[in-house]
Each structure stands twice: as structure tokens, then as C-alpha cells.
């Protein structure tokens, strides 16, 4: 099984600091499209239910190991655009980096000035 998370406990270029570990998180509706666009789709479970079951086990193991998991929702189209902007192939390493990026964005204030809630995605 591949590496599923990225630590985001360090400061980003934006000066934002997360105290947790970002995990790429998909939703049921977009999972077929996720499989279409990822160049390493053969490393991902073929069904959303299997992916969800596997990912929930990974999150639980992370918690038992003292990590604070943060689900970072990966919209496949936004992810592809981000990859293109950053000169990256849509693969596992890019998903991890993007998850950290999405998790850090959750620290930016919303239009009211309040911090945004961490992206948890849908199960």
C-alpha cells in the first residue's frame, strides 16, 4: 500500500501552520472520475467502497500512532488544474502535496474573517 498522508505541521509559504496530517479524501460521486484522471490509478482501489474502507483503517491507525488526521477533499478537476499549474503529474505524490495545500487553505479566514473549518470531505 502506498503512503497516504502528508504532514502539515510545518509552516507553508503563506505562513499557515496546521497541527495535523493531511490525507487526500475523495467523495463517492467523484471517485470514478478520480480513477480516470490519476496516472497511478492501478494503485487505487477499484471501487469507492473499498477505497473508503481502506482509508478509514489508515486514519484509525494514524490516530493510534498519535497523529491528528485531517481529511483534505480532492476534487479531481481542481486537482488536475493545480497539477498543471505546478508542473506535476496527477499521481500519489501530487495527491499528498495537494492534500497539504487544501488543508492549509482551510486555515485562511473566510469572508467574515473567521478561520475556515478543516476540509473533511464526505464519506
Protein backbone atom coordinates (compact mmCIF):
# COMPACT_ATOMS: atom_id res chain seq x y z
CA UNK A 1 0.00 0.00 0.00
CA UNK A 2 1.28 3.43 -0.84
CA UNK A 3 1.95 6.34 1.54
CA UNK A 4 -1.43 8.01 2.21
CA UNK A 5 -0.74 11.25 4.02
CA UNK A 6 1.47 14.27 4.29
CA UNK A 7 2.49 16.04 7.46
CA UNK A 8 1.42 19.63 7.54
CA UNK A 9 2.79 20.62 10.93
CA UNK A 10 5.26 22.99 9.31
CA UNK A 11 4.70 26.49 8.03
CA UNK A 12 3.78 26.92 4.40
CA UNK A 13 4.79 29.75 2.11
CA UNK A 14 1.65 31.53 3.29
CA UNK A 15 2.87 31.29 6.89
CA UNK A 16 -0.02 28.99 7.79
CA UNK A 17 0.62 26.22 10.28
CA UNK A 18 -1.52 23.13 10.66
CA UNK A 19 -1.18 20.80 13.59
CA UNK A 20 -2.11 17.61 11.87
CA UNK A 21 -1.54 15.28 8.99
CA UNK A 22 -3.39 15.77 5.72
CA UNK A 23 -4.93 12.77 3.98
CA UNK A 24 -6.29 13.00 0.42
CA UNK A 25 -10.03 12.40 0.67
CA UNK A 26 -12.46 11.62 -2.14
CA UNK A 27 -16.24 11.59 -2.29
CA UNK A 28 -18.37 8.82 -3.73
CA UNK A 29 -19.70 10.90 -6.63
CA UNK A 30 -16.30 11.91 -7.97
CA UNK A 31 -14.40 8.66 -7.35
CA UNK A 32 -14.98 7.25 -10.87
CA UNK A 33 -13.53 10.49 -12.29
CA UNK A 34 -10.62 10.24 -9.82
CA UNK A 35 -9.80 6.84 -11.30
CA UNK A 36 -9.98 8.28 -14.83
CA UNK A 37 -7.52 11.13 -14.23
CA UNK A 38 -4.88 9.58 -11.95
CA UNK A 39 -1.88 8.19 -13.79
CA UNK A 40 -1.34 5.69 -10.98
CA UNK A 41 -4.98 4.55 -10.87
CA UNK A 42 -3.77 0.95 -10.66
CA UNK A 43 -2.58 1.74 -7.11
CA UNK A 44 -6.03 2.89 -6.03
CA UNK A 45 -8.86 0.53 -5.05
CA UNK A 46 -11.25 -0.03 -7.99
CA UNK A 47 -14.37 0.96 -6.03
CA UNK A 48 -15.19 3.84 -3.72
CA UNK A 49 -16.43 1.49 -1.00
CA UNK A 50 -13.14 -0.37 -0.99
CA UNK A 51 -11.19 2.91 -1.02
CA UNK A 52 -13.28 4.24 1.88
CA UNK A 53 -12.82 1.08 3.95
CA UNK A 54 -9.06 1.14 3.36
CA UNK A 55 -8.79 4.87 4.07
CA UNK A 56 -10.77 4.64 7.30
CA UNK A 57 -8.34 1.97 8.52
CA UNK A 58 -5.40 4.24 7.61
CA UNK A 59 -6.97 7.17 9.54
CA UNK A 60 -7.59 4.99 12.58
CA UNK A 61 -4.01 3.73 12.52
CA UNK A 62 -2.79 7.33 12.27
CA UNK A 63 -4.86 8.27 15.33
CA UNK A 64 -3.48 5.30 17.28
CA UNK A 65 0.02 6.49 16.34
CA UNK A 66 -0.68 9.92 17.80
CA UNK A 67 -1.34 11.79 14.57
CA UNK A 68 -4.22 14.19 14.08
CA UNK A 69 -5.62 13.24 10.67
CA UNK A 70 -7.16 15.95 8.53
CA UNK A 71 -9.29 14.87 5.59
CA UNK A 72 -8.40 17.08 2.64
CA UNK A 73 -11.09 16.83 -0.04
CA UNK A 74 -9.64 16.25 -3.50
CA UNK A 75 -11.89 17.47 -6.30
CA UNK A 76 -10.41 15.75 -9.38
CA UNK A 77 -10.86 18.70 -11.74
CA UNK A 78 -9.39 21.23 -9.31
CA UNK A 79 -6.59 18.77 -8.59
CA UNK A 80 -5.81 18.44 -12.32
CA UNK A 81 -5.72 22.23 -12.72
CA UNK A 82 -3.45 22.53 -9.67
CA UNK A 83 -1.15 19.84 -11.09
CA UNK A 84 -0.97 21.68 -14.42
CA UNK A 85 -0.22 24.98 -12.65
CA UNK A 86 2.55 23.33 -10.64
CA UNK A 87 4.03 21.17 -13.40
CA UNK A 88 3.13 17.91 -11.64
CA UNK A 89 1.75 14.62 -12.90
CA UNK A 90 -1.54 13.57 -11.25
CA UNK A 91 -0.10 10.81 -9.08
CA UNK A 92 0.26 9.78 -5.45
CA UNK A 93 2.98 12.29 -4.58
CA UNK A 94 0.96 15.11 -6.12
CA UNK A 95 -2.14 13.97 -4.20
CA UNK A 96 -0.20 14.16 -0.94
CA UNK A 97 1.16 17.61 -1.74
CA UNK A 98 -2.28 18.80 -2.82
CA UNK A 99 -3.83 17.44 0.39
CA UNK A 100 -1.40 19.57 2.38
CA UNK A 101 -2.26 22.57 0.23
CA UNK A 102 -6.03 22.05 0.72
CA UNK A 103 -5.59 21.54 4.46
CA UNK A 104 -3.60 24.78 4.75
CA UNK A 105 -6.25 26.65 2.77
CA UNK A 106 -8.70 25.70 5.49
CA UNK A 107 -6.71 27.97 7.82
CA UNK A 108 -7.33 31.04 5.70
CA UNK A 109 -10.10 33.25 7.06
CA UNK A 110 -13.43 33.17 5.27
CA UNK A 111 -15.25 36.29 4.12
CA UNK A 112 -16.31 37.03 7.73
CA UNK A 113 -12.71 36.84 8.98
CA UNK A 114 -13.29 33.58 10.90
CA UNK A 115 -10.99 30.62 10.27
CA UNK A 116 -12.41 28.04 7.90
CA UNK A 117 -13.15 24.57 9.23
CA UNK A 118 -10.69 21.90 8.06
CA UNK A 119 -11.81 20.14 4.90
CA UNK A 120 -13.19 16.78 5.93
CA UNK A 121 -14.77 15.70 2.67
CA UNK A 122 -17.78 13.43 2.53
CA UNK A 123 -17.75 9.77 3.49
